[in-house]
Amino acid sequence: MMPGYVGDRPAFAPRPGYRHYEVESRNGGWCVVMNGCRTRPLPCRRAAMRLARTLQAQADCLNHKPEARQ
């Protein structure tokens, strides 16, 4: 793959101001995924889920979503 060119992955453009965090299995561990971008693996799924929930709540508060203020 040449620098500056997109490979065989589909182009992804998240909505402005929108972030969605998920957890998925990766390299013998678990990672947090934000809009398709992965973090380095965490050894415990529970820790990855806690991190994803925390990051999602912070992102929702920054975007002034009323459901985040519970």
PDB file of N, CA and C in Angstrom:
ATOM      1  N   MET A   1       0.844  -1.173   0.000  1.00  0.00           N
ATOM      2  CA  MET A   1       0.000   0.000   0.000  1.00  0.00           C
ATOM      3  C   MET A   1       0.892   1.240   0.000  1.00  0.00           C
ATOM      4  N   MET A   2       0.556   2.183  -0.820  1.00  0.00           N
ATOM      5  CA  MET A   2       1.320   3.419  -0.924  1.00  0.00           C
ATOM      6  C   MET A   2       0.857   4.408   0.140  1.00  0.00           C
ATOM      7  N   PRO A   3       1.780   5.181   0.703  1.00  0.00           N
ATOM      8  CA  PRO A   3       1.385   6.181   1.691  1.00  0.00           C
ATOM      9  C   PRO A   3       0.420   7.195   1.076  1.00  0.00           C
ATOM     10  N   GLY A   4      -0.587   7.562   1.834  1.00  0.00           N
ATOM     11  CA  GLY A   4      -1.540   8.552   1.355  1.00  0.00           C
ATOM     12  C   GLY A   4      -2.724   7.965   0.622  1.00  0.00           C
ATOM     13  N   TYR A   5      -2.731   6.653   0.413  1.00  0.00           N
ATOM     14  CA  TYR A   5      -3.844   6.013  -0.279  1.00  0.00           C
ATOM     15  C   TYR A   5      -4.567   5.068   0.670  1.00  0.00           C
ATOM     16  N   VAL A   6      -5.870   5.022   0.560  1.00  0.00           N
ATOM     17  CA  VAL A   6      -6.665   4.112   1.375  1.00  0.00           C
ATOM     18  C   VAL A   6      -6.546   2.718   0.790  1.00  0.00           C
ATOM     19  N   GLY A   7      -6.361   1.723   1.638  1.00  0.00           N
ATOM     20  CA  GLY A   7      -6.254   0.337   1.193  1.00  0.00           C
ATOM     21  C   GLY A   7      -7.609  -0.217   0.809  1.00  0.00           C
ATOM     22  N   ASP A   8      -7.831  -1.480   1.109  1.00  0.00           N
ATOM     23  CA  ASP A   8      -9.081  -2.113   0.733  1.00  0.00           C
ATOM     24  C   ASP A   8     -10.191  -1.901   1.766  1.00  0.00           C
ATOM     25  N   ARG A   9      -9.901  -1.127   2.820  1.00  0.00           N
ATOM     26  CA  ARG A   9     -10.930  -0.829   3.814  1.00  0.00           C
ATOM     27  C   ARG A   9     -11.889   0.220   3.267  1.00  0.00           C
ATOM     28  N   PRO A  10     -13.174   0.114   3.604  1.00  0.00           N
ATOM     29  CA  PRO A  10     -14.108   1.144   3.160  1.00  0.00           C
ATOM     30  C   PRO A  10     -13.846   2.457   3.895  1.00  0.00           C
ATOM     31  N   ALA A  11     -14.064   3.550   3.229  1.00  0.00           N
ATOM     32  CA  ALA A  11     -13.873   4.857   3.848  1.00  0.00           C
ATOM     33  C   ALA A  11     -14.942   5.052   4.915  1.00  0.00           C
ATOM     34  N   PHE A  12     -14.564   5.609   6.037  1.00  0.00           N
ATOM     35  CA  PHE A  12     -15.486   5.819   7.138  1.00  0.00           C
ATOM     36  C   PHE A  12     -15.363   7.251   7.615  1.00  0.00           C
ATOM     37  N   ALA A  13     -16.444   7.971   7.610  1.00  0.00           N
ATOM     38  CA  ALA A  13     -16.457   9.349   8.095  1.00  0.00           C
ATOM     39  C   ALA A  13     -17.538   9.477   9.163  1.00  0.00           C
ATOM     40  N   PRO A  14     -17.148   9.516  10.441  1.00  0.00           N
ATOM     41  CA  PRO A  14     -18.145   9.642  11.496  1.00  0.00           C
ATOM     42  C   PRO A  14     -18.823  11.007  11.444  1.00  0.00           C
ATOM     43  N   ARG A  15     -20.012  11.061  11.997  1.00  0.00           N
ATOM     44  CA  ARG A  15     -20.714  12.331  12.069  1.00  0.00           C
ATOM     45  C   ARG A  15     -19.934  13.280  12.960  1.00  0.00           C
ATOM     46  N   PRO A  16     -19.925  14.556  12.658  1.00  0.00           N
ATOM     47  CA  PRO A  16     -19.211  15.525  13.505  1.00  0.00           C
ATOM     48  C   PRO A  16     -19.755  15.514  14.928  1.00  0.00           C
ATOM     49  N   GLY A  17     -18.859  15.451  15.892  1.00  0.00           N
ATOM     50  CA  GLY A  17     -19.260  15.480  17.286  1.00  0.00           C
ATOM     51  C   GLY A  17     -19.814  14.175  17.817  1.00  0.00           C
ATOM     52  N   TYR A  18     -19.788  13.118  17.034  1.00  0.00           N
ATOM     53  CA  TYR A  18     -20.351  11.839  17.470  1.00  0.00           C
ATOM     54  C   TYR A  18     -19.240  10.833  17.675  1.00  0.00           C
ATOM     55  N   ARG A  19     -19.238  10.191  18.823  1.00  0.00           N
ATOM     56  CA  ARG A  19     -18.273   9.135  19.107  1.00  0.00           C
ATOM     57  C   ARG A  19     -19.017   7.954  19.696  1.00  0.00           C
ATOM     58  N   HIS A  20     -18.626   6.761  19.239  1.00  0.00           N
ATOM     59  CA  HIS A  20     -19.253   5.544  19.739  1.00  0.00           C
ATOM     60  C   HIS A  20     -18.152   4.567  20.132  1.00  0.00           C
ATOM     61  N   TYR A  21     -18.142   4.167  21.394  1.00  0.00           N
ATOM     62  CA  TYR A  21     -17.119   3.269  21.916  1.00  0.00           C
ATOM     63  C   TYR A  21     -17.681   1.864  22.054  1.00  0.00           C
ATOM     64  N   GLU A  22     -16.894   0.866  21.635  1.00  0.00           N
ATOM     65  CA  GLU A  22     -17.258  -0.544  21.748  1.00  0.00           C
ATOM     66  C   GLU A  22     -16.054  -1.324  22.246  1.00  0.00           C
ATOM     67  N   VAL A  23     -16.274  -2.605  22.576  1.00  0.00           N
ATOM     68  CA  VAL A  23     -15.200  -3.496  23.001  1.00  0.00           C
ATOM     69  C   VAL A  23     -15.180  -4.686  22.050  1.00  0.00           C
ATOM     70  N   GLU A  24     -13.976  -5.075  21.604  1.00  0.00           N
ATOM     71  CA  GLU A  24     -13.862  -6.263  20.747  1.00  0.00           C
ATOM     72  C   GLU A  24     -12.587  -7.028  21.077  1.00  0.00           C
ATOM     73  N   SER A  25     -12.591  -8.293  20.712  1.00  0.00           N
ATOM     74  CA  SER A  25     -11.455  -9.165  20.963  1.00  0.00           C
ATOM     75  C   SER A  25     -10.342  -8.851  19.971  1.00  0.00           C
ATOM     76  N   ARG A  26      -9.083  -8.843  20.477  1.00  0.00           N
ATOM     77  CA  ARG A  26      -7.952  -8.542  19.603  1.00  0.00           C
ATOM     78  C   ARG A  26      -6.648  -9.069  20.212  1.00  0.00           C
ATOM     79  N   ASN A  27      -5.908  -9.812  19.452  1.00  0.00           N
ATOM     80  CA  ASN A  27      -4.565 -10.285  19.829  1.00  0.00           C
ATOM     81  C   ASN A  27      -4.497 -10.886  21.232  1.00  0.00           C
ATOM     82  N   GLY A  28      -5.410 -11.752  21.545  1.00  0.00           N
ATOM     83  CA  GLY A  28      -5.381 -12.413  22.842  1.00  0.00           C
ATOM     84  C   GLY A  28      -5.828 -11.539  23.987  1.00  0.00           C
ATOM     85  N   GLY A  29      -6.405 -10.392  23.698  1.00  0.00           N
ATOM     86  CA  GLY A  29      -6.890  -9.484  24.736  1.00  0.00           C
ATOM     87  C   GLY A  29      -8.142  -8.793  24.247  1.00  0.00           C
ATOM     88  N   TRP A  30      -8.461  -7.680  24.840  1.00  0.00           N
ATOM     89  CA  TRP A  30      -9.655  -6.921  24.481  1.00  0.00           C
ATOM     90  C   TRP A  30      -9.239  -5.482  24.229  1.00  0.00           C
ATOM     91  N   CYS A  31      -9.873  -4.841  23.260  1.00  0.00           N
ATOM     92  CA  CYS A  31      -9.539  -3.447  22.984  1.00  0.00           C
ATOM     93  C   CYS A  31     -10.808  -2.623  22.892  1.00  0.00           C
ATOM     94  N   VAL A  32     -10.648  -1.332  23.136  1.00  0.00           N
ATOM     95  CA  VAL A  32     -11.740  -0.382  23.004  1.00  0.00           C
ATOM     96  C   VAL A  32     -11.670   0.173  21.587  1.00  0.00           C
ATOM     97  N   VAL A  33     -12.816   0.225  20.923  1.00  0.00           N
ATOM     98  CA  VAL A  33     -12.893   0.700  19.540  1.00  0.00           C
ATOM     99  C   VAL A  33     -13.747   1.954  19.510  1.00  0.00           C
ATOM    100  N   MET A  34     -13.202   3.021  18.945  1.00  0.00           N
ATOM    101  CA  MET A  34     -13.955   4.255  18.782  1.00  0.00           C
ATOM    102  C   MET A  34     -14.092   4.559  17.302  1.00  0.00           C
ATOM    103  N   ASN A  35     -15.326   4.472  16.784  1.00  0.00           N
ATOM    104  CA  ASN A  35     -15.584   4.766  15.368  1.00  0.00           C
ATOM    105  C   ASN A  35     -14.641   4.009  14.445  1.00  0.00           C
ATOM    106  N   GLY A  36     -14.323   2.763  14.780  1.00  0.00           N
ATOM    107  CA  GLY A  36     -13.469   1.936  13.936  1.00  0.00           C
ATOM    108  C   GLY A  36     -11.990   1.984  14.276  1.00  0.00           C
ATOM    109  N   CYS A  37     -11.548   2.890  15.135  1.00  0.00           N
ATOM    110  CA  CYS A  37     -10.138   2.986  15.538  1.00  0.00           C
ATOM    111  C   CYS A  37      -9.943   2.209  16.829  1.00  0.00           C
ATOM    112  N   ARG A  38      -8.940   1.326  16.862  1.00  0.00           N
ATOM    113  CA  ARG A  38      -8.727   0.443  18.010  1.00  0.00           C
ATOM    114  C   ARG A  38      -7.597   0.928  18.909  1.00  0.00           C
ATOM    115  N   THR A  39      -7.749   0.644  20.206  1.00  0.00           N
ATOM    116  CA  THR A  39      -6.677   0.901  21.158  1.00  0.00           C
ATOM    117  C   THR A  39      -5.797  -0.331  21.261  1.00  0.00           C
ATOM    118  N   ARG A  40      -4.730  -0.235  22.003  1.00  0.00           N
ATOM    119  CA  ARG A  40      -3.911  -1.426  22.227  1.00  0.00           C
ATOM    120  C   ARG A  40      -4.690  -2.393  23.107  1.00  0.00           C
ATOM    121  N   PRO A  41      -4.391  -3.683  23.033  1.00  0.00           N
ATOM    122  CA  PRO A  41      -5.172  -4.680  23.785  1.00  0.00           C
ATOM    123  C   PRO A  41      -5.035  -4.521  25.297  1.00  0.00           C
ATOM    124  N   LEU A  42      -6.134  -4.732  25.974  1.00  0.00           N
ATOM    125  CA  LEU A  42      -6.163  -4.793  27.427  1.00  0.00           C
ATOM    126  C   LEU A  42      -6.325  -6.259  27.814  1.00  0.00           C
ATOM    127  N   PRO A  43      -5.716  -6.713  28.900  1.00  0.00           N
ATOM    128  CA  PRO A  43      -5.760  -8.132  29.234  1.00  0.00           C
ATOM    129  C   PRO A  43      -7.132  -8.623  29.688  1.00  0.00           C
ATOM    130  N   CYS A  44      -7.955  -7.740  30.202  1.00  0.00           N
ATOM    131  CA  CYS A  44      -9.226  -8.147  30.814  1.00  0.00           C
ATOM    132  C   CYS A  44     -10.397  -7.475  30.090  1.00  0.00           C
ATOM    133  N   ARG A  45     -11.401  -8.270  29.743  1.00  0.00           N
ATOM    134  CA  ARG A  45     -12.575  -7.718  29.063  1.00  0.00           C
ATOM    135  C   ARG A  45     -13.323  -6.747  29.974  1.00  0.00           C
ATOM    136  N   ARG A  46     -13.359  -7.073  31.239  1.00  0.00           N
ATOM    137  CA  ARG A  46     -14.047  -6.217  32.200  1.00  0.00           C
ATOM    138  C   ARG A  46     -13.434  -4.818  32.239  1.00  0.00           C
ATOM    139  N   ALA A  47     -12.102  -4.736  32.213  1.00  0.00           N
ATOM    140  CA  ALA A  47     -11.422  -3.438  32.210  1.00  0.00           C
ATOM    141  C   ALA A  47     -11.705  -2.677  30.914  1.00  0.00           C
ATOM    142  N   ALA A  48     -11.727  -3.376  29.804  1.00  0.00           N
ATOM    143  CA  ALA A  48     -12.019  -2.737  28.519  1.00  0.00           C
ATOM    144  C   ALA A  48     -13.446  -2.198  28.494  1.00  0.00           C
ATOM    145  N   MET A  49     -14.391  -2.950  29.035  1.00  0.00           N
ATOM    146  CA  MET A  49     -15.781  -2.493  29.068  1.00  0.00           C
ATOM    147  C   MET A  49     -15.944  -1.287  29.987  1.00  0.00           C
ATOM    148  N   ARG A  50     -15.258  -1.305  31.119  1.00  0.00           N
ATOM    149  CA  ARG A  50     -15.320  -0.165  32.036  1.00  0.00           C
ATOM    150  C   ARG A  50     -14.742   1.084  31.379  1.00  0.00           C
ATOM    151  N   LEU A  51     -13.628   0.933  30.672  1.00  0.00           N
ATOM    152  CA  LEU A  51     -13.008   2.056  29.964  1.00  0.00           C
ATOM    153  C   LEU A  51     -13.935   2.581  28.868  1.00  0.00           C
ATOM    154  N   ALA A  52     -14.549   1.688  28.108  1.00  0.00           N
ATOM    155  CA  ALA A  52     -15.459   2.100  27.029  1.00  0.00           C
ATOM    156  C   ALA A  52     -16.668   2.848  27.596  1.00  0.00           C
ATOM    157  N   ARG A  53     -17.235   2.360  28.699  1.00  0.00           N
ATOM    158  CA  ARG A  53     -18.381   3.043  29.317  1.00  0.00           C
ATOM    159  C   ARG A  53     -17.989   4.435  29.806  1.00  0.00           C
ATOM    160  N   THR A  54     -16.825   4.538  30.436  1.00  0.00           N
ATOM    161  CA  THR A  54     -16.363   5.825  30.941  1.00  0.00           C
ATOM    162  C   THR A  54     -16.139   6.816  29.806  1.00  0.00           C
ATOM    163  N   LEU A  55     -15.462   6.364  28.751  1.00  0.00           N
ATOM    164  CA  LEU A  55     -15.210   7.243  27.606  1.00  0.00           C
ATOM    165  C   LEU A  55     -16.501   7.657  26.919  1.00  0.00           C
ATOM    166  N   GLN A  56     -17.464   6.726  26.804  1.00  0.00           N
ATOM    167  CA  GLN A  56     -18.745   7.047  26.165  1.00  0.00           C
ATOM    168  C   GLN A  56     -19.505   8.080  26.985  1.00  0.00           C
ATOM    169  N   ALA A  57     -19.514   7.933  28.307  1.00  0.00           N
ATOM    170  CA  ALA A  57     -20.212   8.894  29.163  1.00  0.00           C
ATOM    171  C   ALA A  57     -19.576  10.280  29.050  1.00  0.00           C
ATOM    172  N   GLN A  58     -18.249  10.340  29.015  1.00  0.00           N
ATOM    173  CA  GLN A  58     -17.563  11.622  28.865  1.00  0.00           C
ATOM    174  C   GLN A  58     -17.867  12.258  27.514  1.00  0.00           C
ATOM    175  N   ALA A  59     -17.871  11.459  26.463  1.00  0.00           N
ATOM    176  CA  ALA A  59     -18.172  11.980  25.125  1.00  0.00           C
ATOM    177  C   ALA A  59     -19.604  12.491  25.060  1.00  0.00           C
ATOM    178  N   ASP A  60     -20.534  11.758  25.667  1.00  0.00           N
ATOM    179  CA  ASP A  60     -21.930  12.188  25.663  1.00  0.00           C
ATOM    180  C   ASP A  60     -22.114  13.497  26.427  1.00  0.00           C
ATOM    181  N   CYS A  61     -21.415  13.639  27.548  1.00  0.00           N
ATOM    182  CA  CYS A  61     -21.503  14.895  28.311  1.00  0.00           C
ATOM    183  C   CYS A  61     -20.914  16.061  27.518  1.00  0.00           C
ATOM    184  N   LEU A  62     -19.824  15.816  26.824  1.00  0.00           N
ATOM    185  CA  LEU A  62     -19.226  16.875  26.001  1.00  0.00           C
ATOM    186  C   LEU A  62     -20.148  17.284  24.862  1.00  0.00           C
ATOM    187  N   ASN A  63     -20.954  16.364  24.376  1.00  0.00           N
ATOM    188  CA  ASN A  63     -21.886  16.654  23.286  1.00  0.00           C
ATOM    189  C   ASN A  63     -23.247  17.094  23.798  1.00  0.00           C
ATOM    190  N   HIS A  64     -23.357  17.289  25.125  1.00  0.00           N
ATOM    191  CA  HIS A  64     -24.573  17.792  25.756  1.00  0.00           C
ATOM    192  C   HIS A  64     -25.794  16.923  25.481  1.00  0.00           C
ATOM    193  N   LYS A  65     -25.596  15.622  25.563  1.00  0.00           N
ATOM    194  CA  LYS A  65     -26.733  14.704  25.390  1.00  0.00           C
ATOM    195  C   LYS A  65     -27.438  14.554  26.729  1.00  0.00           C
ATOM    196  N   PRO A  66     -28.747  14.802  26.758  1.00  0.00           N
ATOM    197  CA  PRO A  66     -29.468  14.732  28.047  1.00  0.00           C
ATOM    198  C   PRO A  66     -29.447  13.347  28.682  1.00  0.00           C
ATOM    199  N   GLU A  67     -29.419  12.278  27.910  1.00  0.00           N
ATOM    200  CA  GLU A  67     -29.417  10.930  28.487  1.00  0.00           C
ATOM    201  C   GLU A  67     -28.133  10.615  29.238  1.00  0.00           C
ATOM    202  N   ALA A  68     -27.074  11.407  29.028  1.00  0.00           N
ATOM    203  CA  ALA A  68     -25.813  11.185  29.730  1.00  0.00           C
ATOM    204  C   ALA A  68     -25.882  11.720  31.151  1.00  0.00           C
ATOM    205  N   ARG A  69     -26.808  12.631  31.420  1.00  0.00           N
ATOM    206  CA  ARG A  69     -26.918  13.231  32.750  1.00  0.00           C
ATOM    207  C   ARG A  69     -27.959  12.501  33.584  1.00  0.00           C
ATOM    208  N   GLN A  70     -27.581  11.349  34.106  1.00  0.00           N
ATOM    209  CA  GLN A  70     -28.521  10.566  34.904  1.00  0.00           C
ATOM    210  C   GLN A  70     -28.078  10.522  36.333  1.00  0.00           C
TER     211      GLN A  70
END
